Amino acid sequence: MAAGPLAAACVAWSASPLAGGGSGTRPALIVGISCAAAAVARLAAGDRVPEADVFEKLMGRTRRLLLEALQAGPWAGGLVIAALALEALHHSRPWHTGLLAVALIAFLFAVYLAESGARPATLRPQLPVLAAGLGLLVLCCGAALLPAAGTGAASGWLRVFAAVAAVVAGALALPV
């Protein structure tokens, strides 16, 4: 149930300042909307693809081919690529891109849980890695907000903190 609204929110959020209207905005928006609709339709259809029949009528064959096309395409990945392309086509603030990253990750988790039929508790072993990734995302957004990150003592401490956070995230990602 969460994948549909998250898909719509990701496309809308990545295209939100439409005032720029660059040359690739319209195709990226069309691809994003199409991939979002196909991903949600794939989740709604499930794995139900009827068997081919010799005496199958045109409507049945069309329905079967459409379901096969929905199952074959990597629609969630296409949505992520289209949303990132839309985000790259216009000037946006770092916090805007950070929130888009969180929404895209939530969308991918929702799609994974819906496709596998797993409960959200199956992601519990991944919580340390997710927390470290979220911390690195906040750190990156904060570093991008600093006006002159190249000079001064604060810049050096920020680099040290970023290196330590990256090492901690890598250590958390290693299997025990």
Protein backbone atom coordinates (compact mmCIF):
# COMPACT_ATOMS: atom_id res chain seq x y z
CA MET A 1 0.00 0.00 0.00
CA ALA A 2 2.89 2.39 0.65
CA ALA A 3 4.65 1.91 -2.68
CA GLY A 4 2.07 3.84 -4.72
CA PRO A 5 2.08 7.05 -2.69
CA LEU A 6 5.86 6.85 -2.29
CA ALA A 7 6.30 6.50 -6.06
CA ALA A 8 4.06 9.50 -6.70
CA ALA A 9 5.84 11.52 -4.00
CA CYS A 10 9.27 10.70 -5.44
CA VAL A 11 8.31 11.82 -8.95
CA ALA A 12 6.55 14.95 -7.70
CA TRP A 13 9.37 15.86 -5.29
CA SER A 14 12.13 15.39 -7.86
CA ALA A 15 10.29 17.55 -10.39
CA SER A 16 8.91 20.11 -7.91
CA PRO A 17 10.70 23.29 -9.06
CA LEU A 18 9.45 22.99 -12.65
CA ALA A 19 10.24 26.64 -13.35
CA GLY A 20 13.62 25.70 -14.90
CA GLY A 21 12.10 23.46 -17.58
CA GLY A 22 15.37 22.31 -19.10
CA SER A 23 15.54 20.41 -22.35
CA GLY A 24 15.37 16.97 -20.73
CA THR A 25 12.75 17.70 -18.09
CA ARG A 26 9.70 16.56 -20.05
CA PRO A 27 11.13 13.19 -21.21
CA ALA A 28 12.49 12.44 -17.73
CA LEU A 29 9.13 13.32 -16.20
CA ILE A 30 7.29 11.08 -18.68
CA VAL A 31 9.68 8.20 -17.97
CA GLY A 32 9.34 8.74 -14.22
CA ILE A 33 5.55 8.76 -14.30
CA SER A 34 5.47 5.73 -16.61
CA CYS A 35 7.87 3.74 -14.43
CA ALA A 36 5.92 4.69 -11.28
CA ALA A 37 2.64 3.57 -12.85
CA ALA A 38 4.19 0.32 -14.13
CA ALA A 39 5.82 -0.44 -10.75
CA VAL A 40 2.52 0.04 -8.94
CA ALA A 41 0.66 -2.01 -11.57
CA ARG A 42 3.23 -4.78 -11.21
CA LEU A 43 2.70 -4.86 -7.47
CA ALA A 44 -1.06 -4.86 -7.93
CA ALA A 45 -0.94 -7.69 -10.48
CA GLY A 46 1.33 -9.88 -8.39
CA ASP A 47 2.74 -13.01 -9.99
CA ARG A 48 -0.49 -14.03 -11.72
CA VAL A 49 0.36 -14.61 -15.39
CA PRO A 50 -2.06 -17.04 -17.04
CA GLU A 51 -0.74 -19.93 -19.08
CA ALA A 52 -0.74 -19.62 -22.85
CA ASP A 53 -3.58 -21.48 -24.52
CA VAL A 54 -3.92 -22.55 -28.15
CA PHE A 55 -7.51 -21.25 -28.35
CA GLU A 56 -6.81 -18.06 -26.46
CA LYS A 57 -8.84 -15.07 -27.60
CA LEU A 58 -7.33 -11.72 -28.46
CA MET A 59 -8.25 -10.06 -25.14
CA GLY A 60 -6.81 -12.94 -23.13
CA ARG A 61 -3.60 -12.90 -25.15
CA THR A 62 -3.28 -9.13 -24.80
CA ARG A 63 -3.82 -9.38 -21.05
CA ARG A 64 -1.22 -12.15 -20.74
CA LEU A 65 1.35 -10.22 -22.81
CA LEU A 66 0.75 -7.06 -20.76
CA LEU A 67 1.24 -8.98 -17.50
CA GLU A 68 4.42 -10.55 -18.87
CA ALA A 69 5.73 -7.11 -19.84
CA LEU A 70 4.93 -5.80 -16.37
CA GLN A 71 6.81 -8.70 -14.78
CA ALA A 72 9.83 -8.36 -17.08
CA GLY A 73 10.65 -4.69 -16.64
CA PRO A 74 12.77 -3.21 -13.83
CA TRP A 75 10.24 -0.47 -13.16
CA ALA A 76 11.38 0.47 -9.65
CA GLY A 77 14.95 0.97 -10.87
CA GLY A 78 13.68 3.03 -13.78
CA LEU A 79 11.78 5.26 -11.39
CA VAL A 80 14.92 5.81 -9.31
CA ILE A 81 16.97 6.72 -12.39
CA ALA A 82 14.25 9.06 -13.71
CA ALA A 83 13.87 10.77 -10.32
CA LEU A 84 17.62 11.29 -10.06
CA ALA A 85 17.70 12.65 -13.62
CA LEU A 86 14.88 15.07 -12.79
CA GLU A 87 16.72 16.16 -9.67
CA ALA A 88 19.92 16.73 -11.65
CA LEU A 89 18.14 18.80 -14.32
CA HIS A 90 17.30 21.68 -11.99
CA HIS A 91 19.02 23.57 -9.24
CA SER A 92 17.88 22.37 -5.85
CA ARG A 93 19.01 22.73 -2.30
CA PRO A 94 20.95 19.93 -0.56
CA TRP A 95 18.13 19.23 1.90
CA HIS A 96 15.78 18.77 -1.09
CA THR A 97 18.06 16.13 -2.59
CA GLY A 98 18.55 14.49 0.82
CA LEU A 99 14.81 14.11 1.34
CA LEU A 100 14.49 12.69 -2.16
CA ALA A 101 17.17 10.11 -1.31
CA VAL A 102 15.26 9.05 1.82
CA ALA A 103 11.99 8.81 -0.14
CA LEU A 104 13.62 6.73 -2.89
CA ILE A 105 15.11 4.32 -0.37
CA ALA A 106 11.74 4.02 1.37
CA PHE A 107 10.11 3.34 -2.01
CA LEU A 108 12.64 0.61 -2.83
CA PHE A 109 12.08 -1.01 0.57
CA ALA A 110 8.31 -0.84 0.10
CA VAL A 111 8.60 -2.49 -3.32
CA TYR A 112 10.91 -5.18 -1.95
CA LEU A 113 8.60 -5.96 0.95
CA ALA A 114 5.54 -6.03 -1.32
CA GLU A 115 7.17 -8.27 -3.92
CA SER A 116 8.63 -10.72 -1.44
CA GLY A 117 5.64 -10.74 0.90
CA ALA A 118 8.03 -10.29 3.82
CA ARG A 119 7.23 -8.39 6.96
CA PRO A 120 9.06 -5.17 7.83
CA ALA A 121 10.75 -7.00 10.71
CA THR A 122 12.93 -8.80 8.16
CA LEU A 123 14.85 -5.56 7.72
CA ARG A 124 15.77 -5.43 11.42
CA PRO A 125 19.29 -6.90 10.89
CA GLN A 126 19.97 -4.07 8.43
CA LEU A 127 19.12 -1.28 10.90
CA PRO A 128 22.74 -0.44 11.82
CA VAL A 129 23.71 -0.07 8.17
CA LEU A 130 20.57 1.96 7.44
CA ALA A 131 21.26 4.23 10.40
CA ALA A 132 24.86 4.72 9.29
CA GLY A 133 23.73 5.50 5.75
CA LEU A 134 21.17 8.00 7.03
CA GLY A 135 23.86 9.60 9.18
CA LEU A 136 26.17 9.90 6.17
CA LEU A 137 23.32 11.40 4.15
CA VAL A 138 22.70 14.03 6.83
CA LEU A 139 26.44 14.71 7.00
CA CYS A 140 26.65 15.16 3.22
CA CYS A 141 23.66 17.52 3.20
CA GLY A 142 25.17 19.49 6.05
CA ALA A 143 28.52 19.71 4.29
CA ALA A 144 26.84 20.90 1.11
CA LEU A 145 25.06 23.65 3.04
CA LEU A 146 28.30 25.13 4.37
CA PRO A 147 29.16 28.23 2.37
CA ALA A 148 32.94 27.77 2.19
CA ALA A 149 33.82 24.23 3.16
CA GLY A 150 37.31 24.46 1.72
CA THR A 151 38.89 26.72 4.34
CA GLY A 152 39.05 27.03 8.08
CA ALA A 153 39.18 24.73 11.10
CA ALA A 154 35.52 23.71 10.81
CA SER A 155 36.23 22.30 7.38
CA GLY A 156 39.04 20.12 8.70
CA TRP A 157 36.90 18.77 11.54
CA LEU A 158 34.08 18.09 9.13
CA ARG A 159 36.42 16.08 6.90
CA VAL A 160 37.69 14.08 9.87
CA PHE A 161 34.13 13.41 11.04
CA ALA A 162 33.12 12.35 7.52
CA ALA A 163 36.08 9.94 7.29
CA VAL A 164 35.28 8.42 10.69
CA ALA A 165 31.61 8.07 9.73
CA ALA A 166 32.56 6.35 6.47
CA VAL A 167 34.82 3.90 8.34
CA VAL A 168 32.07 3.16 10.86
CA ALA A 169 29.52 2.61 8.07
CA GLY A 170 31.93 0.28 6.31
CA ALA A 171 32.56 -1.64 9.51
CA LEU A 172 28.82 -2.00 10.09
CA ALA A 173 28.33 -3.29 6.56
CA LEU A 174 30.90 -6.07 6.91
CA PRO A 175 29.41 -9.44 7.72
CA VAL A 176 30.25 -10.74 11.16
